[in-house]
Every structure is written in C-alpha cells, then in structure tokens.
Protein backbone atom coordinates (compact mmCIF):
# COMPACT_ATOMS: atom_id res chain seq x y z
CA MET A 1 15.59 15.30 -9.77
CA ASN A 2 18.03 16.99 -6.95
CA THR A 3 21.46 17.26 -8.38
CA GLU A 4 23.02 17.82 -5.42
CA SER A 5 23.37 15.37 -2.64
CA SER A 6 23.29 15.91 1.22
CA VAL A 7 26.34 14.91 3.36
CA LEU A 8 25.62 11.85 5.77
CA VAL A 9 25.95 12.38 9.44
CA ARG A 10 25.52 9.68 11.85
CA VAL A 11 23.73 10.76 15.33
CA GLU A 12 22.90 8.78 18.52
CA ALA A 13 19.07 8.95 19.67
CA ARG A 14 19.76 10.47 22.67
CA GLU A 15 21.53 13.45 20.77
CA ALA A 16 18.98 13.97 18.15
CA ARG A 17 16.15 13.86 20.70
CA SER A 18 19.06 16.74 22.57
CA HIS A 19 19.22 18.60 19.30
CA PHE A 20 16.21 17.88 16.92
CA ALA A 21 15.14 21.27 15.89
CA ASP A 22 18.79 22.01 14.70
CA LEU A 23 18.63 18.60 13.35
CA LEU A 24 15.56 19.80 11.55
CA LYS A 25 17.00 23.52 10.25
CA ARG A 26 20.19 21.15 9.00
CA ALA A 27 17.91 18.95 6.92
CA GLN A 28 15.73 21.24 6.18
CA GLN A 29 18.35 23.46 4.33
CA GLY A 30 19.20 20.17 2.37
CA ARG A 31 23.17 20.15 2.62
CA GLU A 32 22.73 17.02 5.35
CA HIS A 33 20.84 14.52 6.07
CA PHE A 34 20.69 12.30 9.76
CA LEU A 35 21.35 8.84 10.46
CA ILE A 36 19.79 8.10 13.62
CA GLU A 37 21.39 5.33 15.56
CA ASN A 38 20.43 3.76 18.44
CA GLY A 39 23.42 1.77 20.44
CA GLY A 40 25.54 2.22 16.74
CA ILE A 41 22.09 0.75 15.17
CA ALA A 42 20.27 2.68 12.40
CA VAL A 43 16.85 3.18 13.19
CA ALA A 44 15.52 6.59 11.29
CA ALA A 45 16.62 8.95 8.70
CA LEU A 46 16.26 12.79 8.57
CA ILE A 47 16.02 14.20 5.65
CA GLY A 48 14.77 17.00 3.78
CA MET A 49 11.41 17.56 1.70
CA ARG A 50 13.15 18.00 -1.61
CA GLU A 51 14.92 14.68 -0.99
CA TYR A 52 12.46 13.19 0.25
CA ASP A 53 10.44 14.20 -2.97
CA ASP A 54 13.39 12.86 -4.66
CA PHE A 55 13.02 9.37 -3.11
CA LEU A 56 9.08 9.41 -3.34
CA ARG A 57 9.77 9.61 -7.43
CA TRP A 58 12.18 7.13 -7.41
CA ARG A 59 10.50 4.55 -5.32
CA ALA A 60 7.07 5.54 -7.88
CA GLN A 61 9.73 4.76 -11.27
CA GLN A 62 10.42 1.72 -9.47
CA GLU A 63 7.26 -0.03 -8.79
CA LEU A 64 5.78 1.09 -12.78
CA ARG A 65 8.96 -0.48 -13.83
CA GLY A 66 8.10 -3.74 -11.43
CA LEU A 67 4.28 -3.15 -12.68
CA GLY A 68 5.45 -3.41 -16.70
CA ARG A 69 7.24 -6.01 -16.20
CA ALA A 70 4.86 -8.03 -14.69
CA MET A 71 1.90 -6.80 -16.98
CA THR A 72 4.21 -7.67 -19.93
CA GLU A 73 4.75 -11.44 -18.33
CA GLN A 74 0.94 -11.77 -17.95
CA ALA A 75 0.54 -10.81 -21.53
CA GLN A 76 2.36 -13.17 -22.70
CA ARG A 77 1.22 -15.92 -20.77
CA ALA A 78 -2.20 -15.09 -22.35
CA GLY A 79 -0.85 -15.07 -25.77
CA LEU A 80 -1.23 -11.18 -26.90
CA ASP A 81 1.15 -9.67 -28.17
CA GLU A 82 2.01 -5.62 -27.74
CA ASP A 83 -0.44 -4.00 -30.09
CA ASP A 84 -3.28 -6.07 -28.26
CA LEU A 85 -2.04 -5.07 -25.12
CA ALA A 86 -1.65 -1.63 -26.00
CA ALA A 87 -5.41 -1.82 -27.44
CA ALA A 88 -6.61 -3.78 -24.31
CA LEU A 89 -4.90 -0.76 -22.23
CA GLU A 90 -6.41 2.12 -24.24
CA ALA A 91 -9.66 0.64 -23.94
CA ASP A 92 -9.65 0.27 -20.48
CA ARG A 93 -8.45 3.80 -20.25
CA ARG A 94 -11.46 5.27 -22.53
CA ALA A 95 -13.24 2.96 -19.87
CA VAL A 96 -12.34 4.62 -16.80
CA HIS A 97 -12.29 8.19 -18.04
CA ASP A 98 -15.89 7.56 -19.58
CA GLU A 99 -17.56 6.14 -15.88
CA ASN A 100 -15.84 8.73 -14.26
CA TYR A 101 -16.45 11.87 -17.05
CA GLY A 102 -20.13 10.26 -18.09
CA GLY A 103 -17.95 9.87 -22.13
CA GLN A 104 -17.52 13.93 -21.97
CA ALA A 105 -17.05 14.82 -25.87
CA GLY A 106 -13.32 15.30 -27.00
CA GLU A 107 -12.77 11.80 -26.24
C-alpha cells in the first residue's frame, strides 16, 4: 500500500472544467487529490491511480471481512464448528477447481 498521502485540494466544478488537464497531471503525480465541489457541495473526487488502486484493495479487504463474518454467523446458526466449516470450504474449492479444470492431476 502506498505510504505517502497526497494533499487534499478543494476545487469548484467550473474551475475543474477549465483546468482539467492540469488537475489530471497533478493527480497523476500523486502529491495531490482533488475534491470537486459544486456550490460548496462535494460531488466528485479526482485521484491518481495509485491511490485508486489502494482504495480498491482496501474496499476488497472490507468486503472480505464482511463475508467472513457473515459466513461465520451462518455456520454457527447451522451448528458447524470451525473444522466443519473449513472442510466444507475445501470441498467447495475442490468442486469449483474440478469444474473449471477437469480434476487435473495434482489436486
């Protein structure tokens, strides 16, 4: 994950429209990110790809944590312990692998 944080710069929409190429270049450099406002109300953000990739990784981690919690709760309601859940997940993983790869040797 990128350890350097870029600086937030607030920009009115009409200014962003007039200076878009410059803002885009500055965002790409990674030192600034822009909050685009319309009448003082935030409507969009312009960030560089490194920050966007970091955001996507963070969001995927949050979704995975949520899935893990939901799966654990469902397993507990079904009376499964951690070993039962791990065995069920492994069986599903193998079934998906076999479906996609035809049960190739080594699995």
